[in-house]
PDB file of all heavy atoms in Angstrom:
ATOM      1  N   MET A   1      25.054  19.771   3.406  1.00  0.00           N
ATOM      2  CA  MET A   1      24.789  20.879   4.321  1.00  0.00           C
ATOM      3  C   MET A   1      25.468  20.671   5.676  1.00  0.00           C
ATOM      4  O   MET A   1      25.933  21.627   6.298  1.00  0.00           O
ATOM      5  CB  MET A   1      23.283  21.061   4.505  1.00  0.00           C
ATOM      6  CG  MET A   1      22.564  21.509   3.236  1.00  0.00           C
ATOM      7  SD  MET A   1      23.371  22.911   2.398  1.00  0.00           S
ATOM      8  CE  MET A   1      23.230  24.197   3.661  1.00  0.00           C
ATOM      9  N   LYS A   2      25.551  19.426   6.121  1.00  0.00           N
ATOM     10  CA  LYS A   2      26.262  19.170   7.379  1.00  0.00           C
ATOM     11  C   LYS A   2      27.746  19.473   7.237  1.00  0.00           C
ATOM     12  O   LYS A   2      28.370  20.031   8.152  1.00  0.00           O
ATOM     13  CB  LYS A   2      26.059  17.716   7.805  1.00  0.00           C
ATOM     14  CG  LYS A   2      24.722  17.464   8.480  1.00  0.00           C
ATOM     15  CD  LYS A   2      24.651  16.041   9.030  1.00  0.00           C
ATOM     16  CE  LYS A   2      23.391  15.830   9.850  1.00  0.00           C
ATOM     17  NZ  LYS A   2      23.315  14.465  10.415  1.00  0.00           N
ATOM     18  N   ALA A   3      28.305  19.105   6.092  1.00  0.00           N
ATOM     19  CA  ALA A   3      29.715  19.410   5.846  1.00  0.00           C
ATOM     20  C   ALA A   3      29.936  20.912   5.744  1.00  0.00           C
ATOM     21  O   ALA A   3      30.950  21.443   6.211  1.00  0.00           O
ATOM     22  CB  ALA A   3      30.173  18.718   4.563  1.00  0.00           C
ATOM     23  N   THR A   4      28.978  21.596   5.147  1.00  0.00           N
ATOM     24  CA  THR A   4      29.087  23.052   4.963  1.00  0.00           C
ATOM     25  C   THR A   4      28.965  23.796   6.282  1.00  0.00           C
ATOM     26  O   THR A   4      29.729  24.729   6.571  1.00  0.00           O
ATOM     27  CB  THR A   4      27.999  23.549   3.992  1.00  0.00           C
ATOM     28  OG1 THR A   4      28.091  22.823   2.767  1.00  0.00           O
ATOM     29  CG2 THR A   4      28.154  25.032   3.710  1.00  0.00           C
ATOM     30  N   ILE A   5      28.007  23.388   7.112  1.00  0.00           N
ATOM     31  CA  ILE A   5      27.744  24.119   8.350  1.00  0.00           C
ATOM     32  C   ILE A   5      28.898  24.019   9.337  1.00  0.00           C
ATOM     33  O   ILE A   5      29.043  24.854  10.241  1.00  0.00           O
ATOM     34  CB  ILE A   5      26.424  23.616   9.000  1.00  0.00           C
ATOM     35  CG1 ILE A   5      25.780  24.718   9.849  1.00  0.00           C
ATOM     36  CG2 ILE A   5      26.650  22.361   9.820  1.00  0.00           C
ATOM     37  CD1 ILE A   5      25.260  25.875   9.029  1.00  0.00           C
ATOM     38  N   LEU A   6      29.763  22.996   9.159  1.00  0.00           N
ATOM     39  CA  LEU A   6      30.928  22.865  10.029  1.00  0.00           C
ATOM     40  C   LEU A   6      31.884  24.036   9.880  1.00  0.00           C
ATOM     41  O   LEU A   6      32.710  24.294  10.772  1.00  0.00           O
ATOM     42  CB  LEU A   6      31.670  21.553   9.725  1.00  0.00           C
ATOM     43  CG  LEU A   6      30.958  20.260  10.133  1.00  0.00           C
ATOM     44  CD1 LEU A   6      31.747  19.052   9.649  1.00  0.00           C
ATOM     45  CD2 LEU A   6      30.769  20.200  11.654  1.00  0.00           C
ATOM     46  N   GLN A   7      31.786  24.742   8.750  1.00  0.00           N
ATOM     47  CA  GLN A   7      32.662  25.892   8.519  1.00  0.00           C
ATOM     48  C   GLN A   7      32.175  27.160   9.220  1.00  0.00           C
ATOM     49  O   GLN A   7      32.783  28.222   9.088  1.00  0.00           O
ATOM     50  CB  GLN A   7      32.778  26.148   7.003  1.00  0.00           C
ATOM     51  CG  GLN A   7      33.346  24.968   6.228  1.00  0.00           C
ATOM     52  CD  GLN A   7      34.740  24.594   6.701  1.00  0.00           C
ATOM     53  OE1 GLN A   7      35.572  25.470   6.977  1.00  0.00           O
ATOM     54  NE2 GLN A   7      34.989  23.293   6.813  1.00  0.00           N
ATOM     55  N   PHE A   8      31.081  27.039   9.974  1.00  0.00           N
ATOM     56  CA  PHE A   8      30.519  28.187  10.681  1.00  0.00           C
ATOM     57  C   PHE A   8      30.337  27.843  12.155  1.00  0.00           C
ATOM     58  O   PHE A   8      29.981  26.722  12.505  1.00  0.00           O
ATOM     59  CB  PHE A   8      29.156  28.582  10.081  1.00  0.00           C
ATOM     60  CG  PHE A   8      29.232  28.951   8.629  1.00  0.00           C
ATOM     61  CD1 PHE A   8      29.084  27.974   7.651  1.00  0.00           C
ATOM     62  CD2 PHE A   8      29.475  30.259   8.229  1.00  0.00           C
ATOM     63  CE1 PHE A   8      29.165  28.290   6.305  1.00  0.00           C
ATOM     64  CE2 PHE A   8      29.554  30.589   6.884  1.00  0.00           C
ATOM     65  CZ  PHE A   8      29.407  29.604   5.924  1.00  0.00           C
ATOM     66  N   ASP A   9      30.592  28.806  12.985  1.00  0.00           N
ATOM     67  CA  ASP A   9      30.441  28.602  14.422  1.00  0.00           C
ATOM     68  C   ASP A   9      28.978  28.833  14.809  1.00  0.00           C
ATOM     69  O   ASP A   9      28.635  29.795  15.491  1.00  0.00           O
ATOM     70  CB  ASP A   9      31.367  29.560  15.184  1.00  0.00           C
ATOM     71  CG  ASP A   9      31.362  29.284  16.680  1.00  0.00           C
ATOM     72  OD1 ASP A   9      30.937  28.172  17.061  1.00  0.00           O
ATOM     73  OD2 ASP A   9      31.759  30.170  17.451  1.00  0.00           O
ATOM     74  N   LYS A  10      28.127  27.904  14.318  1.00  0.00           N
ATOM     75  CA  LYS A  10      26.686  28.030  14.576  1.00  0.00           C
ATOM     76  C   LYS A  10      26.124  26.668  14.981  1.00  0.00           C
ATOM     77  O   LYS A  10      25.401  26.011  14.229  1.00  0.00           O
ATOM     78  CB  LYS A  10      25.958  28.548  13.335  1.00  0.00           C
ATOM     79  CG  LYS A  10      26.379  29.936  12.872  1.00  0.00           C
ATOM     80  CD  LYS A  10      25.855  31.020  13.811  1.00  0.00           C
ATOM     81  CE  LYS A  10      24.363  31.203  13.633  1.00  0.00           C
ATOM     82  NZ  LYS A  10      23.857  32.316  14.473  1.00  0.00           N
ATOM     83  N   PRO A  11      26.449  26.207  16.163  1.00  0.00           N
ATOM     84  CA  PRO A  11      26.030  24.857  16.573  1.00  0.00           C
ATOM     85  C   PRO A  11      24.524  24.711  16.777  1.00  0.00           C
ATOM     86  O   PRO A  11      24.028  23.590  16.898  1.00  0.00           O
ATOM     87  CB  PRO A  11      26.778  24.647  17.887  1.00  0.00           C
ATOM     88  CG  PRO A  11      26.999  26.036  18.419  1.00  0.00           C
ATOM     89  CD  PRO A  11      27.214  26.906  17.208  1.00  0.00           C
ATOM     90  N   ASP A  12      23.797  25.811  16.861  1.00  0.00           N
ATOM     91  CA  ASP A  12      22.367  25.733  17.156  1.00  0.00           C
ATOM     92  C   ASP A  12      21.497  25.708  15.909  1.00  0.00           C
ATOM     93  O   ASP A  12      20.278  25.843  15.978  1.00  0.00           O
ATOM     94  CB  ASP A  12      21.946  26.910  18.045  1.00  0.00           C
ATOM     95  CG  ASP A  12      22.269  28.261  17.409  1.00  0.00           C
ATOM     96  OD1 ASP A  12      23.098  28.279  16.475  1.00  0.00           O
ATOM     97  OD2 ASP A  12      21.698  29.274  17.844  1.00  0.00           O
ATOM     98  N   VAL A  13      22.086  25.525  14.724  1.00  0.00           N
ATOM     99  CA  VAL A  13      21.306  25.421  13.491  1.00  0.00           C
ATOM    100  C   VAL A  13      20.515  24.119  13.503  1.00  0.00           C
ATOM    101  O   VAL A  13      21.055  23.050  13.797  1.00  0.00           O
ATOM    102  CB  VAL A  13      22.214  25.483  12.249  1.00  0.00           C
ATOM    103  CG1 VAL A  13      21.412  25.171  10.982  1.00  0.00           C
ATOM    104  CG2 VAL A  13      22.848  26.860  12.126  1.00  0.00           C
ATOM    105  N   LYS A  14      19.239  24.210  13.169  1.00  0.00           N
ATOM    106  CA  LYS A  14      18.364  23.037  13.158  1.00  0.00           C
ATOM    107  C   LYS A  14      18.040  22.648  11.710  1.00  0.00           C
ATOM    108  O   LYS A  14      17.810  23.506  10.869  1.00  0.00           O
ATOM    109  CB  LYS A  14      17.053  23.330  13.910  1.00  0.00           C
ATOM    110  CG  LYS A  14      17.235  23.811  15.336  1.00  0.00           C
ATOM    111  CD  LYS A  14      17.930  22.773  16.207  1.00  0.00           C
ATOM    112  CE  LYS A  14      18.046  23.263  17.649  1.00  0.00           C
ATOM    113  NZ  LYS A  14      18.790  22.295  18.504  1.00  0.00           N
ATOM    114  N   PHE A  15      18.013  21.330  11.459  1.00  0.00           N
ATOM    115  CA  PHE A  15      17.671  20.821  10.139  1.00  0.00           C
ATOM    116  C   PHE A  15      16.269  20.206  10.155  1.00  0.00           C
ATOM    117  O   PHE A  15      15.915  19.485  11.098  1.00  0.00           O
ATOM    118  CB  PHE A  15      18.669  19.742   9.697  1.00  0.00           C
ATOM    119  CG  PHE A  15      20.036  20.268   9.369  1.00  0.00           C
ATOM    120  CD1 PHE A  15      21.026  20.328  10.340  1.00  0.00           C
ATOM    121  CD2 PHE A  15      20.325  20.709   8.091  1.00  0.00           C
ATOM    122  CE1 PHE A  15      22.290  20.810  10.043  1.00  0.00           C
ATOM    123  CE2 PHE A  15      21.597  21.180   7.782  1.00  0.00           C
ATOM    124  CZ  PHE A  15      22.573  21.241   8.759  1.00  0.00           C
ATOM    125  N   THR A  16      15.513  20.494   9.134  1.00  0.00           N
ATOM    126  CA  THR A  16      14.213  19.859   8.938  1.00  0.00           C
ATOM    127  C   THR A  16      14.223  19.226   7.553  1.00  0.00           C
ATOM    128  O   THR A  16      14.418  19.916   6.547  1.00  0.00           O
ATOM    129  CB  THR A  16      13.053  20.867   9.036  1.00  0.00           C
ATOM    130  OG1 THR A  16      13.098  21.519  10.307  1.00  0.00           O
ATOM    131  CG2 THR A  16      11.715  20.149   8.879  1.00  0.00           C
ATOM    132  N   VAL A  17      14.056  17.909   7.512  1.00  0.00           N
ATOM    133  CA  VAL A  17      14.169  17.176   6.248  1.00  0.00           C
ATOM    134  C   VAL A  17      12.789  16.789   5.726  1.00  0.00           C
ATOM    135  O   VAL A  17      11.985  16.187   6.449  1.00  0.00           O
ATOM    136  CB  VAL A  17      15.029  15.911   6.425  1.00  0.00           C
ATOM    137  CG1 VAL A  17      15.151  15.167   5.099  1.00  0.00           C
ATOM    138  CG2 VAL A  17      16.407  16.282   6.964  1.00  0.00           C
ATOM    139  N   TYR A  18      12.558  17.129   4.467  1.00  0.00           N
ATOM    140  CA  TYR A  18      11.340  16.709   3.764  1.00  0.00           C
ATOM    141  C   TYR A  18      11.779  15.847   2.574  1.00  0.00           C
ATOM    142  O   TYR A  18      12.305  16.361   1.580  1.00  0.00           O
ATOM    143  CB  TYR A  18      10.537  17.912   3.278  1.00  0.00           C
ATOM    144  CG  TYR A  18       9.967  18.762   4.398  1.00  0.00           C
ATOM    145  CD1 TYR A  18      10.689  19.856   4.901  1.00  0.00           C
ATOM    146  CD2 TYR A  18       8.732  18.470   4.954  1.00  0.00           C
ATOM    147  CE1 TYR A  18      10.169  20.633   5.933  1.00  0.00           C
ATOM    148  CE2 TYR A  18       8.206  19.251   5.987  1.00  0.00           C
ATOM    149  CZ  TYR A  18       8.928  20.327   6.469  1.00  0.00           C
ATOM    150  OH  TYR A  18       8.418  21.099   7.490  1.00  0.00           O
ATOM    151  N   SER A  19      11.581  14.540   2.699  1.00  0.00           N
ATOM    152  CA  SER A  19      12.003  13.619   1.640  1.00  0.00           C
ATOM    153  C   SER A  19      10.790  13.095   0.867  1.00  0.00           C
ATOM    154  O   SER A  19       9.642  13.223   1.309  1.00  0.00           O
ATOM    155  CB  SER A  19      12.783  12.451   2.241  1.00  0.00           C
ATOM    156  OG  SER A  19      11.995  11.755   3.184  1.00  0.00           O
ATOM    157  N   MET A  20      11.069  12.507  -0.290  1.00  0.00           N
ATOM    158  CA  MET A  20      10.035  11.906  -1.146  1.00  0.00           C
ATOM    159  C   MET A  20       8.927  12.903  -1.498  1.00  0.00           C
ATOM    160  O   MET A  20       7.747  12.549  -1.555  1.00  0.00           O
ATOM    161  CB  MET A  20       9.417  10.668  -0.469  1.00  0.00           C
ATOM    162  CG  MET A  20      10.418   9.673   0.042  1.00  0.00           C
ATOM    163  SD  MET A  20      11.497   9.031  -1.274  1.00  0.00           S
ATOM    164  CE  MET A  20      12.598   7.985  -0.331  1.00  0.00           C
ATOM    165  N   VAL A  21       9.296  14.141  -1.736  1.00  0.00           N
ATOM    166  CA  VAL A  21       8.308  15.150  -2.130  1.00  0.00           C
ATOM    167  C   VAL A  21       7.949  14.912  -3.594  1.00  0.00           C
ATOM    168  O   VAL A  21       8.779  15.087  -4.486  1.00  0.00           O
ATOM    169  CB  VAL A  21       8.871  16.581  -1.943  1.00  0.00           C
ATOM    170  CG1 VAL A  21       7.837  17.607  -2.371  1.00  0.00           C
ATOM    171  CG2 VAL A  21       9.285  16.797  -0.491  1.00  0.00           C
ATOM    172  N   ASP A  22       6.711  14.493  -3.841  1.00  0.00           N
ATOM    173  CA  ASP A  22       6.342  14.114  -5.208  1.00  0.00           C
ATOM    174  C   ASP A  22       5.056  14.765  -5.716  1.00  0.00           C
ATOM    175  O   ASP A  22       4.554  14.405  -6.784  1.00  0.00           O
ATOM    176  CB  ASP A  22       6.221  12.592  -5.315  1.00  0.00           C
ATOM    177  CG  ASP A  22       5.197  12.012  -4.337  1.00  0.00           C
ATOM    178  OD1 ASP A  22       4.551  12.803  -3.605  1.00  0.00           O
ATOM    179  OD2 ASP A  22       5.037  10.779  -4.308  1.00  0.00           O
ATOM    180  N   ARG A  23       4.518  15.731  -4.937  1.00  0.00           N
ATOM    181  CA  ARG A  23       3.310  16.438  -5.391  1.00  0.00           C
ATOM    182  C   ARG A  23       3.517  17.944  -5.260  1.00  0.00           C
ATOM    183  O   ARG A  23       4.145  18.421  -4.312  1.00  0.00           O
ATOM    184  CB  ARG A  23       2.083  16.044  -4.566  1.00  0.00           C
ATOM    185  CG  ARG A  23       1.720  14.587  -4.592  1.00  0.00           C
ATOM    186  CD  ARG A  23       0.322  14.360  -3.995  1.00  0.00           C
ATOM    187  NE  ARG A  23       0.053  15.211  -2.852  1.00  0.00           N
ATOM    188  CZ  ARG A  23       0.365  14.924  -1.595  1.00  0.00           C
ATOM    189  NH1 ARG A  23       1.019  13.801  -1.320  1.00  0.00           N
ATOM    190  NH2 ARG A  23       0.052  15.759  -0.610  1.00  0.00           N
ATOM    191  N   GLU A  24       2.956  18.685  -6.200  1.00  0.00           N
ATOM    192  CA  GLU A  24       3.137  20.140  -6.206  1.00  0.00           C
ATOM    193  C   GLU A  24       2.496  20.787  -4.983  1.00  0.00           C
ATOM    194  O   GLU A  24       3.078  21.699  -4.365  1.00  0.00           O
ATOM    195  CB  GLU A  24       2.551  20.732  -7.488  1.00  0.00           C
ATOM    196  CG  GLU A  24       2.798  22.219  -7.626  1.00  0.00           C
ATOM    197  CD  GLU A  24       2.359  22.763  -8.978  1.00  0.00           C
ATOM    198  OE1 GLU A  24       2.387  22.000  -9.964  1.00  0.00           O
ATOM    199  OE2 GLU A  24       1.981  23.955  -9.033  1.00  0.00           O
ATOM    200  N   ASP A  25       1.286  20.330  -4.596  1.00  0.00           N
ATOM    201  CA  ASP A  25       0.632  20.914  -3.426  1.00  0.00           C
ATOM    202  C   ASP A  25       1.420  20.639  -2.153  1.00  0.00           C
ATOM    203  O   ASP A  25       1.490  21.483  -1.249  1.00  0.00           O
ATOM    204  CB  ASP A  25      -0.796  20.392  -3.296  1.00  0.00           C
ATOM    205  CG  ASP A  25      -0.868  18.884  -3.081  1.00  0.00           C
ATOM    206  OD1 ASP A  25      -0.007  18.163  -3.624  1.00  0.00           O
ATOM    207  OD2 ASP A  25      -1.782  18.423  -2.358  1.00  0.00           O
ATOM    208  N   GLN A  26       2.035  19.469  -2.071  1.00  0.00           N
ATOM    209  CA  GLN A  26       2.892  19.116  -0.934  1.00  0.00           C
ATOM    210  C   GLN A  26       4.092  20.055  -0.882  1.00  0.00           C
ATOM    211  O   GLN A  26       4.463  20.553   0.184  1.00  0.00           O
ATOM    212  CB  GLN A  26       3.338  17.665  -1.069  1.00  0.00           C
ATOM    213  CG  GLN A  26       4.264  17.175   0.030  1.00  0.00           C
ATOM    214  CD  GLN A  26       4.833  15.794  -0.272  1.00  0.00           C
ATOM    215  OE1 GLN A  26       4.785  15.335  -1.414  1.00  0.00           O
ATOM    216  NE2 GLN A  26       5.366  15.133   0.735  1.00  0.00           N
ATOM    217  N   LEU A  27       4.688  20.300  -2.035  1.00  0.00           N
ATOM    218  CA  LEU A  27       5.855  21.178  -2.112  1.00  0.00           C
ATOM    219  C   LEU A  27       5.512  22.600  -1.684  1.00  0.00           C
ATOM    220  O   LEU A  27       6.238  23.219  -0.897  1.00  0.00           O
ATOM    221  CB  LEU A  27       6.411  21.165  -3.543  1.00  0.00           C
ATOM    222  CG  LEU A  27       7.601  22.076  -3.823  1.00  0.00           C
ATOM    223  CD1 LEU A  27       8.771  21.735  -2.907  1.00  0.00           C
ATOM    224  CD2 LEU A  27       8.020  21.968  -5.287  1.00  0.00           C
ATOM    225  N   VAL A  28       4.399  23.108  -2.182  1.00  0.00           N
ATOM    226  CA  VAL A  28       3.995  24.483  -1.845  1.00  0.00           C
ATOM    227  C   VAL A  28       3.711  24.602  -0.345  1.00  0.00           C
ATOM    228  O   VAL A  28       4.060  25.602   0.293  1.00  0.00           O
ATOM    229  CB  VAL A  28       2.755  24.897  -2.666  1.00  0.00           C
ATOM    230  CG1 VAL A  28       2.212  26.235  -2.178  1.00  0.00           C
ATOM    231  CG2 VAL A  28       3.107  24.974  -4.142  1.00  0.00           C
ATOM    232  N   SER A  29       3.086  23.585   0.243  1.00  0.00           N
ATOM    233  CA  SER A  29       2.803  23.608   1.681  1.00  0.00           C
ATOM    234  C   SER A  29       4.100  23.671   2.489  1.00  0.00           C
ATOM    235  O   SER A  29       4.195  24.426   3.471  1.00  0.00           O
ATOM    236  CB  SER A  29       2.006  22.354   2.052  1.00  0.00           C
ATOM    237  OG  SER A  29       1.809  22.288   3.455  1.00  0.00           O
ATOM    238  N   ILE A  30       5.106  22.928   2.048  1.00  0.00           N
ATOM    239  CA  ILE A  30       6.402  22.948   2.730  1.00  0.00           C
ATOM    240  C   ILE A  30       7.051  24.326   2.606  1.00  0.00           C
ATOM    241  O   ILE A  30       7.619  24.861   3.570  1.00  0.00           O
ATOM    242  CB  ILE A  30       7.332  21.871   2.153  1.00  0.00           C
ATOM    243  CG1 ILE A  30       6.780  20.466   2.464  1.00  0.00           C
ATOM    244  CG2 ILE A  30       8.749  22.013   2.718  1.00  0.00           C
ATOM    245  CD1 ILE A  30       7.481  19.359   1.712  1.00  0.00           C
ATOM    246  N   LEU A  31       6.966  24.895   1.431  1.00  0.00           N
ATOM    247  CA  LEU A  31       7.549  26.222   1.209  1.00  0.00           C
ATOM    248  C   LEU A  31       6.846  27.284   2.059  1.00  0.00           C
ATOM    249  O   LEU A  31       7.489  28.221   2.561  1.00  0.00           O
ATOM    250  CB  LEU A  31       7.463  26.577  -0.275  1.00  0.00           C
ATOM    251  CG  LEU A  31       8.356  25.748  -1.206  1.00  0.00           C
ATOM    252  CD1 LEU A  31       8.038  26.044  -2.663  1.00  0.00           C
ATOM    253  CD2 LEU A  31       9.832  26.023  -0.924  1.00  0.00           C
ATOM    254  N   ASN A  32       5.543  27.146   2.232  1.00  0.00           N
ATOM    255  CA  ASN A  32       4.812  28.084   3.091  1.00  0.00           C
ATOM    256  C   ASN A  32       5.307  27.989   4.529  1.00  0.00           C
ATOM    257  O   ASN A  32       5.459  29.014   5.219  1.00  0.00           O
ATOM    258  CB  ASN A  32       3.303  27.789   3.037  1.00  0.00           C
ATOM    259  CG  ASN A  32       2.683  28.217   1.722  1.00  0.00           C
ATOM    260  OD1 ASN A  32       3.198  29.101   1.028  1.00  0.00           O
ATOM    261  ND2 ASN A  32       1.564  27.601   1.360  1.00  0.00           N
ATOM    262  N   ASN A  33       5.586  26.764   4.977  1.00  0.00           N
ATOM    263  CA  ASN A  33       6.132  26.587   6.330  1.00  0.00           C
ATOM    264  C   ASN A  33       7.524  27.201   6.433  1.00  0.00           C
ATOM    265  O   ASN A  33       7.884  27.796   7.459  1.00  0.00           O
ATOM    266  CB  ASN A  33       6.195  25.103   6.679  1.00  0.00           C
ATOM    267  CG  ASN A  33       4.837  24.490   6.899  1.00  0.00           C
ATOM    268  OD1 ASN A  33       3.882  25.193   7.237  1.00  0.00           O
ATOM    269  ND2 ASN A  33       4.723  23.186   6.705  1.00  0.00           N
ATOM    270  N   ALA A  34       8.308  27.041   5.374  1.00  0.00           N
ATOM    271  CA  ALA A  34       9.654  27.615   5.359  1.00  0.00           C
ATOM    272  C   ALA A  34       9.589  29.138   5.457  1.00  0.00           C
ATOM    273  O   ALA A  34      10.420  29.770   6.116  1.00  0.00           O
ATOM    274  CB  ALA A  34      10.388  27.196   4.090  1.00  0.00           C
ATOM    275  N   LYS A  35       8.577  29.709   4.811  1.00  0.00           N
ATOM    276  CA  LYS A  35       8.406  31.171   4.861  1.00  0.00           C
ATOM    277  C   LYS A  35       8.089  31.620   6.283  1.00  0.00           C
ATOM    278  O   LYS A  35       8.649  32.615   6.784  1.00  0.00           O
ATOM    279  CB  LYS A  35       7.286  31.585   3.911  1.00  0.00           C
ATOM    280  CG  LYS A  35       7.018  33.082   3.895  1.00  0.00           C
ATOM    281  CD  LYS A  35       5.878  33.414   2.943  1.00  0.00           C
ATOM    282  CE  LYS A  35       5.566  34.910   2.981  1.00  0.00           C
ATOM    283  NZ  LYS A  35       4.427  35.250   2.071  1.00  0.00           N
ATOM    284  N   ILE A  36       7.205  30.878   6.961  1.00  0.00           N
ATOM    285  CA  ILE A  36       6.849  31.208   8.338  1.00  0.00           C
ATOM    286  C   ILE A  36       8.071  31.114   9.245  1.00  0.00           C
ATOM    287  O   ILE A  36       8.283  31.969  10.120  1.00  0.00           O
ATOM    288  CB  ILE A  36       5.738  30.259   8.844  1.00  0.00           C
ATOM    289  CG1 ILE A  36       4.448  30.499   8.051  1.00  0.00           C
ATOM    290  CG2 ILE A  36       5.497  30.440  10.337  1.00  0.00           C
ATOM    291  CD1 ILE A  36       3.365  29.467   8.325  1.00  0.00           C
ATOM    292  N   ASP A  37       8.888  30.087   9.032  1.00  0.00           N
ATOM    293  CA  ASP A  37      10.089  29.884   9.866  1.00  0.00           C
ATOM    294  C   ASP A  37      11.266  30.731   9.400  1.00  0.00           C
ATOM    295  O   ASP A  37      12.319  30.725  10.054  1.00  0.00           O
ATOM    296  CB  ASP A  37      10.504  28.403   9.826  1.00  0.00           C
ATOM    297  CG  ASP A  37       9.523  27.510  10.554  1.00  0.00           C
ATOM    298  OD1 ASP A  37       8.784  28.018  11.410  1.00  0.00           O
ATOM    299  OD2 ASP A  37       9.487  26.291  10.258  1.00  0.00           O
ATOM    300  N   ASN A  38      11.111  31.420   8.275  1.00  0.00           N
ATOM    301  CA  ASN A  38      12.203  32.192   7.680  1.00  0.00           C
ATOM    302  C   ASN A  38      13.458  31.313   7.534  1.00  0.00           C
ATOM    303  O   ASN A  38      14.560  31.676   7.930  1.00  0.00           O
ATOM    304  CB  ASN A  38      12.522  33.434   8.520  1.00  0.00           C
ATOM    305  CG  ASN A  38      13.458  34.391   7.779  1.00  0.00           C
ATOM    306  OD1 ASN A  38      13.431  34.467   6.541  1.00  0.00           O
ATOM    307  ND2 ASN A  38      14.295  35.097   8.517  1.00  0.00           N
ATOM    308  N   SER A  39      13.259  30.132   6.949  1.00  0.00           N
ATOM    309  CA  SER A  39      14.327  29.136   6.857  1.00  0.00           C
ATOM    310  C   SER A  39      15.164  29.305   5.590  1.00  0.00           C
ATOM    311  O   SER A  39      14.699  29.846   4.578  1.00  0.00           O
ATOM    312  CB  SER A  39      13.731  27.722   6.852  1.00  0.00           C
ATOM    313  OG  SER A  39      13.076  27.458   8.055  1.00  0.00           O
ATOM    314  N   PHE A  40      16.369  28.805   5.670  1.00  0.00           N
ATOM    315  CA  PHE A  40      17.207  28.624   4.485  1.00  0.00           C
ATOM    316  C   PHE A  40      16.789  27.295   3.859  1.00  0.00           C
ATOM    317  O   PHE A  40      16.554  26.311   4.566  1.00  0.00           O
ATOM    318  CB  PHE A  40      18.682  28.580   4.899  1.00  0.00           C
ATOM    319  CG  PHE A  40      19.635  28.467   3.744  1.00  0.00           C
ATOM    320  CD1 PHE A  40      20.159  29.604   3.138  1.00  0.00           C
ATOM    321  CD2 PHE A  40      20.011  27.220   3.271  1.00  0.00           C
ATOM    322  CE1 PHE A  40      21.045  29.499   2.078  1.00  0.00           C
ATOM    323  CE2 PHE A  40      20.898  27.099   2.205  1.00  0.00           C
ATOM    324  CZ  PHE A  40      21.409  28.241   1.600  1.00  0.00           C
ATOM    325  N   ILE A  41      16.710  27.254   2.525  1.00  0.00           N
ATOM    326  CA  ILE A  41      16.242  26.051   1.849  1.00  0.00           C
ATOM    327  C   ILE A  41      17.360  25.471   0.993  1.00  0.00           C
ATOM    328  O   ILE A  41      17.925  26.156   0.138  1.00  0.00           O
ATOM    329  CB  ILE A  41      15.019  26.345   0.963  1.00  0.00           C
ATOM    330  CG1 ILE A  41      13.854  26.853   1.820  1.00  0.00           C
ATOM    331  CG2 ILE A  41      14.603  25.097   0.183  1.00  0.00           C
ATOM    332  CD1 ILE A  41      12.663  27.314   1.001  1.00  0.00           C
TER     333      ILE A  41
END
């Protein structure tokens, strides 16, 4: 994604990393946050 974003003049893009996601409830909670932030996943 860092390599990809270099092709766009959008220096203010913010990254939020969720690693070691190993539970379904954890995943759904993250997706709910993404919906609130209207994020690209």
